């Protein structure tokens, strides 16, 4: 592969392997690379919601204290390199090219085994991240799971601490159709004799997770025990009460690890950078709010944010999957003054017809079907609303990335729809 386009084409070809849910291929791939994931300390974070925010908070807490940090998250918003960061510097196109070239022969060799081990897109990117972090000799890595935990590609790490942020119904086709089954899958990141921290987890899920930890001899800590008084939960620059739970989880994690990874007090949590999560920006006098909301728990959190707005916003929304779309559109309907439904540029996108069909029959406005290209036709342009209006863009992170890319002066080479098939 001699250029970035060839890398992208190759990675696209791996998407045809699907999600390949399981861990054997990743273990074999890591062994072939010399197990780089074992050469740096890891905080491993799973959960239905909040895991990316907790990772971002942990990263800045350690970086502000002089640690060389690694951050691995998914999916990306615009550029693929966002997933793999050292000291919040994204992996460059040139470095991505070099690492893909080095990794491909090992992947191709595994694909020739009997039976063949066909590495997925997410496994390839995860392996690339671990190799990069090892080469950069990072002091601590904040690693977010992609899906679930037990069989997730990231679950080849041996963490200093495992964190489970929240448990709710999502990806039920793969993780199970009950809180208990999903908790079991998320709890798969709990390692023997390694501590685990439970975030804002409901009792039925907490019982499952504590049972798994006890079986493995793993010490259990709970944010509910540490921050019983809501007033003591830390504030951040990220909006929403749920972000205070995430901040409490991050702070408690650093306390648990303080013996080996000490921190001095800092203002780090006032500078957390996590785009696409109630991200407010101004565009020619219009207030644009970007907020990734992709499951039922996220919809509940979104309501809390919407209720704090002084006026009802114009809403632009789209979702991946009909179950997610139904929850989202039903949540948004009462809070919008105008509603535009679009289909993100993804094969899993819920149709605009379906989303409209989920709306109540009587609304004070007529919902409109539209296209991203029509609402955001070119750089810096939004055809919806007028100066002084608030426009909420919410739903899948792919939709948010697609729109933000259209608003950018410099277009990304790696399109926002270049995502995992999950």
Protein backbone atom coordinates (compact mmCIF):
# COMPACT_ATOMS: atom_id res chain seq x y z
CA UNK A 1 0.00 0.00 0.00
CA UNK A 2 1.74 3.12 -1.25
CA UNK A 3 -0.82 5.80 -0.44
CA UNK A 4 -3.61 6.66 1.96
CA UNK A 5 -6.38 5.83 -0.52
CA UNK A 6 -5.07 2.28 -0.82
CA UNK A 7 -5.12 1.97 2.98
CA UNK A 8 -8.74 3.12 3.05
CA UNK A 9 -9.66 0.70 0.26
CA UNK A 10 -8.00 -2.15 2.14
CA UNK A 11 -9.76 -1.28 5.39
CA UNK A 12 -13.05 -1.06 3.53
CA UNK A 13 -12.44 -4.59 2.28
CA UNK A 14 -12.10 -5.79 5.88
CA UNK A 15 -15.59 -4.49 6.62
CA UNK A 16 -16.93 -7.32 4.43
CA UNK A 17 -15.77 -9.64 7.22
CA UNK A 18 -18.44 -8.04 9.46
CA UNK A 19 -17.99 -7.45 13.16
CA UNK A 20 -16.60 -10.98 13.67
CA UNK A 21 -17.73 -10.90 17.29
CA UNK A 22 -15.25 -13.02 19.25
CA UNK A 23 -11.73 -12.85 20.64
CA UNK A 24 -9.71 -15.76 19.19
CA UNK A 25 -8.63 -13.86 16.07
CA UNK A 26 -7.49 -10.89 18.15
CA UNK A 27 -5.47 -13.10 20.48
CA UNK A 28 -3.72 -14.69 17.50
CA UNK A 29 -3.08 -11.31 15.92
CA UNK A 30 -1.62 -9.91 19.14
CA UNK A 31 0.66 -12.93 19.55
CA UNK A 32 1.86 -12.37 15.99
CA UNK A 33 2.75 -8.80 16.92
CA UNK A 34 4.53 -9.79 20.15
CA UNK A 35 1.63 -8.81 22.44
CA UNK A 36 2.27 -5.05 22.44
CA UNK A 37 -0.85 -4.47 24.58
CA UNK A 38 1.03 -5.94 27.55
CA UNK A 39 3.81 -3.34 27.42
CA UNK A 40 1.87 -0.37 28.86
CA UNK A 41 -0.58 0.15 31.76
CA UNK A 42 -4.25 0.11 30.76
CA UNK A 43 -7.52 1.40 32.18
CA UNK A 44 -10.18 -0.61 30.36
CA UNK A 45 -13.64 0.97 30.10
CA UNK A 46 -16.91 -0.70 29.08
CA UNK A 47 -20.54 0.35 29.44
CA UNK A 48 -23.64 1.16 27.45
CA UNK A 49 -23.12 4.92 27.70
CA UNK A 50 -20.44 7.20 29.09
CA UNK A 51 -17.41 5.06 28.37
CA UNK A 52 -15.97 7.48 25.83
CA UNK A 53 -16.54 10.47 28.12
CA UNK A 54 -14.89 8.66 31.05
CA UNK A 55 -11.90 7.80 28.86
CA UNK A 56 -11.58 11.43 27.74
CA UNK A 57 -11.75 12.61 31.36
CA UNK A 58 -9.18 10.08 32.53
CA UNK A 59 -6.88 11.01 29.68
CA UNK A 60 -6.81 14.71 30.53
CA UNK A 61 -6.49 14.07 34.27
CA UNK A 62 -3.29 12.10 33.66
CA UNK A 63 -1.95 14.27 30.84
CA UNK A 64 -2.34 17.44 32.91
CA UNK A 65 -0.16 15.73 35.51
CA UNK A 66 2.63 15.06 33.05
CA UNK A 67 1.86 11.48 32.03
CA UNK A 68 2.23 10.47 28.41
CA UNK A 69 -1.28 9.28 27.64
CA UNK A 70 -2.89 7.00 25.10
CA UNK A 71 -6.56 7.18 24.15
CA UNK A 72 -8.41 4.58 22.10
CA UNK A 73 -12.10 5.23 21.36
CA UNK A 74 -14.68 4.38 18.72
CA UNK A 75 -16.34 5.20 16.47
CA UNK A 76 -14.55 8.23 15.06
CA UNK A 77 -16.43 11.41 14.26
CA UNK A 78 -14.68 12.52 11.07
CA UNK A 79 -11.11 11.18 10.73
CA UNK A 80 -10.10 7.58 11.38
CA UNK A 81 -7.00 8.78 13.27
CA UNK A 82 -9.26 10.18 16.01
CA UNK A 83 -9.53 6.66 17.39
CA UNK A 84 -5.81 6.39 18.12
CA UNK A 85 -4.34 9.30 20.07
CA UNK A 86 -1.19 9.93 22.11
CA UNK A 87 -1.34 13.04 24.28
CA UNK A 88 -4.55 13.85 22.32
CA UNK A 89 -2.66 13.96 19.03
CA UNK A 90 -4.50 11.86 16.47
CA UNK A 91 -2.67 9.27 14.43
CA UNK A 92 -1.65 11.02 11.21
CA UNK A 93 -2.46 9.72 7.74
CA UNK A 94 1.24 9.01 7.16
CA UNK A 95 1.59 7.05 10.40
CA UNK A 96 -1.64 5.20 9.69
CA UNK A 97 -0.24 4.24 6.28
CA UNK A 98 3.03 2.95 7.78
CA UNK A 99 1.29 0.95 10.48
CA UNK A 100 -1.21 -0.55 8.09
CA UNK A 101 1.61 -1.63 5.78
CA UNK A 102 3.45 -3.28 8.68
CA UNK A 103 0.33 -5.02 9.98
CA UNK A 104 -1.12 -6.31 6.73
CA UNK A 105 1.32 -9.24 6.15
CA UNK A 106 0.48 -10.65 9.59
CA UNK A 107 -3.25 -10.27 8.93
CA UNK A 108 -2.92 -11.91 5.51
CA UNK A 109 -0.99 -14.81 7.02
CA UNK A 110 -3.75 -15.41 9.59
CA UNK A 111 -6.32 -15.34 6.79
CA UNK A 112 -4.50 -18.28 5.13
CA UNK A 113 -4.73 -20.53 8.20
CA UNK A 114 -7.10 -23.48 8.33
CA UNK A 115 -9.67 -22.52 9.34
CA UNK A 116 -8.93 -18.99 8.12
CA UNK A 117 -8.93 -16.22 10.73
CA UNK A 118 -10.48 -13.26 8.93
CA UNK A 119 -9.58 -10.11 10.85
CA UNK A 120 -12.32 -7.49 10.99
CA UNK A 121 -11.98 -3.77 10.46
CA UNK A 122 -12.28 -3.05 14.20
CA UNK A 123 -9.73 -5.73 15.12
CA UNK A 124 -7.25 -4.28 12.62
CA UNK A 125 -7.66 -0.76 14.00
CA UNK A 126 -7.39 -2.03 17.60
CA UNK A 127 -4.18 -3.90 16.82
CA UNK A 128 -2.80 -0.81 15.09
CA UNK A 129 -3.58 1.24 18.20
CA UNK A 130 -1.87 -1.17 20.59
CA UNK A 131 1.22 -1.33 18.39
CA UNK A 132 1.36 2.48 18.20
CA UNK A 133 0.97 2.91 21.96
CA UNK A 134 3.74 0.40 22.64
CA UNK A 135 6.08 2.14 20.18
CA UNK A 136 5.31 5.50 21.76
CA UNK A 137 6.12 4.10 25.22
CA UNK A 138 3.02 5.65 26.80
CA UNK A 139 2.73 5.92 30.58
CA UNK A 140 -0.97 4.99 30.73
CA UNK A 141 -3.65 4.07 28.18
CA UNK A 142 -7.39 4.67 28.39
CA UNK A 143 -9.01 1.97 26.25
CA UNK A 144 -12.72 1.99 25.37
CA UNK A 145 -14.41 -1.25 24.35
CA UNK A 146 -16.10 -1.33 20.98
CA UNK A 147 -19.03 -3.61 21.74
CA UNK A 148 -19.87 -5.48 24.93
CA UNK A 149 -16.73 -6.57 26.72
CA UNK A 150 -16.28 -10.31 27.08
CA UNK A 151 -15.70 -10.94 23.38
CA UNK A 152 -14.63 -7.44 22.36
CA UNK A 153 -11.36 -7.09 20.46
CA UNK A 154 -9.95 -4.82 23.20
CA UNK A 155 -10.37 -7.54 25.82
CA UNK A 156 -6.86 -8.88 25.23
CA UNK A 157 -5.48 -6.27 27.64
CA UNK A 158 -4.45 -6.93 31.24
CA UNK A 159 -5.74 -3.76 32.88
CA UNK A 160 -4.65 -1.99 36.02
CA UNK A 161 -8.35 -1.20 36.47
CA UNK A 162 -11.56 -2.17 34.70
CA UNK A 163 -14.46 0.31 34.66
CA UNK A 164 -18.10 -0.36 33.78
CA UNK A 165 -19.96 2.92 33.42
CA UNK A 166 -23.64 2.08 32.86
CA UNK A 167 -25.74 -0.90 31.79
CA UNK A 168 -28.87 -0.57 29.67
CA UNK A 169 -30.50 -2.25 26.69
CA UNK A 170 -28.53 -1.79 23.47
CA UNK A 171 -27.12 -4.15 20.85
CA UNK A 172 -29.55 -6.74 22.22
CA UNK A 173 -29.12 -8.95 19.15
CA UNK A 174 -25.51 -9.61 20.20
CA UNK A 175 -25.41 -8.93 23.93
CA UNK A 176 -28.76 -10.34 25.05
CA UNK A 177 -32.25 -9.01 25.61
CA UNK A 178 -32.06 -8.40 29.35
CA UNK A 179 -30.06 -6.19 31.69
CA UNK A 180 -28.65 -9.32 33.34
CA UNK A 181 -27.32 -10.76 30.08
CA UNK A 182 -25.83 -7.44 29.00
CA UNK A 183 -24.20 -7.00 32.43
CA UNK A 184 -22.63 -10.45 32.03
CA UNK A 185 -21.17 -9.46 28.66
CA UNK A 186 -19.88 -6.08 29.89
CA UNK A 187 -18.51 -7.80 33.00
CA UNK A 188 -16.30 -9.90 30.76
CA UNK A 189 -13.61 -7.22 31.05
CA UNK A 190 -13.23 -7.97 34.79
CA UNK A 191 -9.90 -9.76 35.17
CA UNK A 192 -8.78 -12.05 38.01
CA UNK A 193 -7.32 -10.18 40.99
CA UNK A 194 -7.61 -6.86 39.13
CA UNK A 195 -9.86 -4.14 40.60
CA UNK A 196 -13.13 -3.12 38.95
CA UNK A 197 -14.98 0.17 39.35
CA UNK A 198 -18.75 0.33 38.86
CA UNK A 199 -20.21 3.61 37.65
CA UNK A 200 -23.87 4.63 37.71
CA UNK A 201 -25.06 1.03 37.45
CA UNK A 202 -28.55 -0.04 38.49
CA UNK A 203 -28.88 -2.69 41.25
CA UNK A 204 -29.83 -5.67 39.08
CA UNK A 205 -26.74 -5.13 36.91
CA UNK A 206 -24.55 -4.40 39.93
CA UNK A 207 -25.48 -7.76 41.45
CA UNK A 208 -24.31 -9.57 38.31
CA UNK A 209 -21.07 -7.60 38.13
CA UNK A 210 -20.26 -8.10 41.81
CA UNK A 211 -20.87 -11.82 41.43
CA UNK A 212 -18.47 -12.00 38.47
CA UNK A 213 -15.86 -10.00 40.40
CA UNK A 214 -16.17 -12.26 43.43
CA UNK A 215 -15.69 -15.35 41.26
CA UNK A 216 -12.47 -13.84 39.92
CA UNK A 217 -11.15 -12.49 43.20
CA UNK A 218 -11.36 -8.93 41.91
CA UNK A 219 -11.81 -6.03 44.36
CA UNK A 220 -14.99 -4.05 43.63
CA UNK A 221 -15.45 -0.30 44.01
CA UNK A 222 -18.65 1.65 43.40
CA UNK A 223 -19.17 5.30 42.51
CA UNK A 224 -22.46 5.13 44.43
CA UNK A 225 -20.51 4.37 47.60
CA UNK A 226 -17.82 7.00 47.00
CA UNK A 227 -20.15 9.84 45.91
CA UNK A 228 -23.37 9.28 47.84
CA UNK A 229 -23.82 13.04 48.13
CA UNK A 230 -24.77 14.35 44.66
CA UNK A 231 -23.38 17.78 45.50
CA UNK A 232 -19.88 16.29 45.78
CA UNK A 233 -19.85 14.85 42.25
CA UNK A 234 -17.32 16.82 40.21
CA UNK A 235 -18.29 19.46 37.69
CA UNK A 236 -16.85 19.47 34.18
CA UNK A 237 -17.12 21.69 31.13
CA UNK A 238 -19.34 19.00 29.55
CA UNK A 239 -23.04 19.62 29.93
CA UNK A 240 -25.47 17.27 31.68
CA UNK A 241 -25.93 15.66 35.08
CA UNK A 242 -24.83 12.33 33.61
CA UNK A 243 -21.43 13.91 32.88
CA UNK A 244 -21.07 14.55 36.60
CA UNK A 245 -21.51 10.80 37.13
CA UNK A 246 -18.84 10.22 34.48
CA UNK A 247 -16.54 12.73 36.16
CA UNK A 248 -17.09 11.06 39.53
CA UNK A 249 -16.18 7.72 37.94
CA UNK A 250 -12.99 9.16 36.45
CA UNK A 251 -11.93 10.83 39.70
CA UNK A 252 -12.58 7.68 41.73
CA UNK A 253 -10.56 5.66 39.22
CA UNK A 254 -7.55 7.92 39.73
CA UNK A 255 -7.93 7.53 43.50
CA UNK A 256 -7.95 3.74 43.21
CA UNK A 257 -4.77 3.86 41.13
CA UNK A 258 -3.08 6.64 43.11
CA UNK A 259 -0.42 4.44 44.71
CA UNK A 260 1.23 3.61 41.38
CA UNK A 261 -0.06 6.56 39.35
CA UNK A 262 -0.30 9.55 41.67
CA UNK A 263 -1.95 12.82 40.65
CA UNK A 264 -1.84 16.34 41.96
CA UNK A 265 -5.07 18.40 42.03
CA UNK A 266 -5.69 20.18 38.73
CA UNK A 267 -8.33 21.98 36.71
CA UNK A 268 -8.25 19.23 34.08
CA UNK A 269 -11.97 18.43 34.20
CA UNK A 270 -12.81 21.97 33.15
CA UNK A 271 -10.98 21.35 29.85
CA UNK A 272 -12.33 18.00 28.67
CA UNK A 273 -12.59 17.78 24.88
CA UNK A 274 -15.24 15.32 23.69
CA UNK A 275 -16.87 16.50 20.44
CA UNK A 276 -20.38 15.55 19.44
CA UNK A 277 -21.69 15.39 23.01
CA UNK A 278 -23.93 18.43 23.53
CA UNK A 279 -21.36 20.37 21.54
CA UNK A 280 -22.55 23.96 21.06
CA UNK A 281 -21.29 26.10 18.20
CA UNK A 282 -22.35 29.25 16.34
CA UNK A 283 -22.96 29.35 12.60
CA UNK A 284 -23.83 32.77 11.16
CA UNK A 285 -25.90 33.69 14.21
CA UNK A 286 -27.59 30.29 14.52
CA UNK A 287 -26.80 28.12 17.56
CA UNK A 288 -26.01 24.56 16.50
CA UNK A 289 -25.98 21.79 19.09
CA UNK A 290 -24.49 18.43 18.13
CA UNK A 291 -25.38 15.53 20.42
CA UNK A 292 -24.86 11.82 19.76
CA UNK A 293 -27.90 10.01 21.13
CA UNK A 294 -28.14 6.45 19.92
CA UNK A 295 -29.99 4.35 22.49
CA UNK A 296 -32.80 4.44 25.06
CA UNK A 297 -30.56 5.47 27.95
CA UNK A 298 -29.11 8.27 25.85
CA UNK A 299 -32.65 9.45 25.05
CA UNK A 300 -33.38 9.81 28.77
CA UNK A 301 -30.24 11.89 29.19
CA UNK A 302 -31.22 13.99 26.17
CA UNK A 303 -34.56 14.88 27.77
CA UNK A 304 -32.73 16.41 30.73
CA UNK A 305 -30.78 18.62 28.34
CA UNK A 306 -33.80 19.60 26.26
CA UNK A 307 -35.77 20.65 29.33
CA UNK A 308 -33.08 23.21 30.17
CA UNK A 309 -33.30 25.00 26.82
CA UNK A 310 -35.16 28.34 27.02
CA UNK A 311 -37.01 27.69 23.74
CA UNK A 312 -37.87 24.64 21.70
CA UNK A 313 -35.19 23.98 19.05
CA UNK A 314 -35.40 23.05 15.41
CA UNK A 315 -34.41 19.38 15.38
CA UNK A 316 -32.55 17.45 12.69
CA UNK A 317 -32.30 13.74 13.44
CA UNK A 318 -31.48 10.34 11.99
CA UNK A 319 -30.63 6.96 13.47
CA UNK A 320 -29.07 3.60 12.72
CA UNK A 321 -31.62 0.83 13.23
CA UNK A 322 -35.37 1.02 13.69
CA UNK A 323 -35.41 0.28 17.43
CA UNK A 324 -33.02 3.14 18.09
CA UNK A 325 -34.87 5.38 15.66
CA UNK A 326 -38.23 4.75 17.31
CA UNK A 327 -36.91 5.63 20.78
CA UNK A 328 -35.20 8.73 19.45
CA UNK A 329 -38.07 10.16 17.40
CA UNK A 330 -40.63 9.57 20.15
CA UNK A 331 -38.35 11.32 22.63
CA UNK A 332 -37.72 14.33 20.41
CA UNK A 333 -41.25 14.97 19.14
CA UNK A 334 -42.58 16.98 22.14
CA UNK A 335 -39.46 19.15 22.39
CA UNK A 336 -39.14 20.35 18.80
CA UNK A 337 -40.62 23.43 17.16
CA UNK A 338 -39.69 22.00 13.75
CA UNK A 339 -38.52 18.49 12.94
CA UNK A 340 -36.44 17.26 10.00
CA UNK A 341 -35.73 13.56 9.59
CA UNK A 342 -32.83 12.32 7.47
CA UNK A 343 -31.09 9.02 6.80
CA UNK A 344 -27.38 8.93 7.76
CA UNK A 345 -25.05 7.70 5.02
CA UNK A 346 -24.96 4.16 6.35
CA UNK A 347 -26.57 0.91 5.23
CA UNK A 348 -28.11 0.47 8.69
CA UNK A 349 -29.91 3.83 8.64
CA UNK A 350 -33.58 3.86 9.61
CA UNK A 351 -35.65 5.19 6.72
CA UNK A 352 -37.26 8.60 6.96
CA UNK A 353 -40.63 6.96 6.26
CA UNK A 354 -40.20 4.71 9.27
CA UNK A 355 -39.19 7.57 11.54
CA UNK A 356 -42.20 9.64 10.45
CA UNK A 357 -44.48 6.64 11.10
CA UNK A 358 -43.33 6.56 14.74
CA UNK A 359 -44.50 10.10 15.45
CA UNK A 360 -47.74 10.95 17.26
CA UNK A 361 -50.62 11.72 14.90
CA UNK A 362 -51.24 15.20 16.29
CA UNK A 363 -48.28 17.55 16.42
CA UNK A 364 -48.18 21.36 16.35
CA UNK A 365 -45.85 21.15 13.32
CA UNK A 366 -45.54 19.06 10.17
CA UNK A 367 -42.41 16.87 10.27
CA UNK A 368 -40.30 17.03 7.11
CA UNK A 369 -38.29 14.38 5.31
CA UNK A 370 -35.01 15.72 3.97
CA UNK A 371 -31.39 14.98 3.08
CA UNK A 372 -28.14 16.00 4.75
CA UNK A 373 -26.95 17.42 1.43
CA UNK A 374 -30.02 19.66 1.23
CA UNK A 375 -29.87 20.91 4.82
CA UNK A 376 -26.08 21.41 4.72
CA UNK A 377 -25.34 21.95 1.01
CA UNK A 378 -21.82 23.32 1.32
CA UNK A 379 -19.06 24.56 3.57
CA UNK A 380 -20.43 26.71 6.41
CA UNK A 381 -24.04 26.61 5.20
CA UNK A 382 -27.18 25.44 6.97
CA UNK A 383 -30.44 26.03 5.11
CA UNK A 384 -32.61 25.50 8.18
CA UNK A 385 -33.68 28.26 10.57
CA UNK A 386 -32.81 31.92 10.92
CA UNK A 387 -30.40 34.04 12.91
CA UNK A 388 -31.10 33.54 16.63
CA UNK A 389 -32.58 30.04 16.21
CA UNK A 390 -31.29 26.96 18.02
CA UNK A 391 -30.81 23.88 15.86
CA UNK A 392 -30.26 20.49 17.52
CA UNK A 393 -28.59 17.81 15.41
CA UNK A 394 -28.95 14.51 17.21
CA UNK A 395 -29.02 10.77 16.64
CA UNK A 396 -26.20 8.57 15.41
CA UNK A 397 -22.62 9.76 15.66
CA UNK A 398 -22.29 8.94 11.96
CA UNK A 399 -24.90 11.60 11.19
CA UNK A 400 -23.10 14.16 13.34
CA UNK A 401 -19.77 13.38 11.69
CA UNK A 402 -21.32 13.57 8.24
CA UNK A 403 -22.78 17.01 8.93
CA UNK A 404 -19.69 18.39 10.65
CA UNK A 405 -17.58 17.25 7.73
CA UNK A 406 -19.85 19.14 5.31
CA UNK A 407 -19.38 22.28 7.40
CA UNK A 408 -15.59 22.01 7.42
CA UNK A 409 -13.23 24.06 5.26
CA UNK A 410 -10.76 21.18 4.98
CA UNK A 411 -12.53 17.98 4.00
CA UNK A 412 -11.49 14.75 5.68
CA UNK A 413 -10.00 11.99 3.56
CA UNK A 414 -11.57 9.33 5.73
CA UNK A 415 -15.33 9.71 5.49
CA UNK A 416 -17.49 9.69 8.61
CA UNK A 417 -19.49 6.72 7.29
CA UNK A 418 -16.30 4.62 7.34
CA UNK A 419 -17.34 2.85 10.51
CA UNK A 420 -17.60 -0.56 12.12
CA UNK A 421 -20.47 -2.77 11.06
CA UNK A 422 -22.09 -2.77 14.51
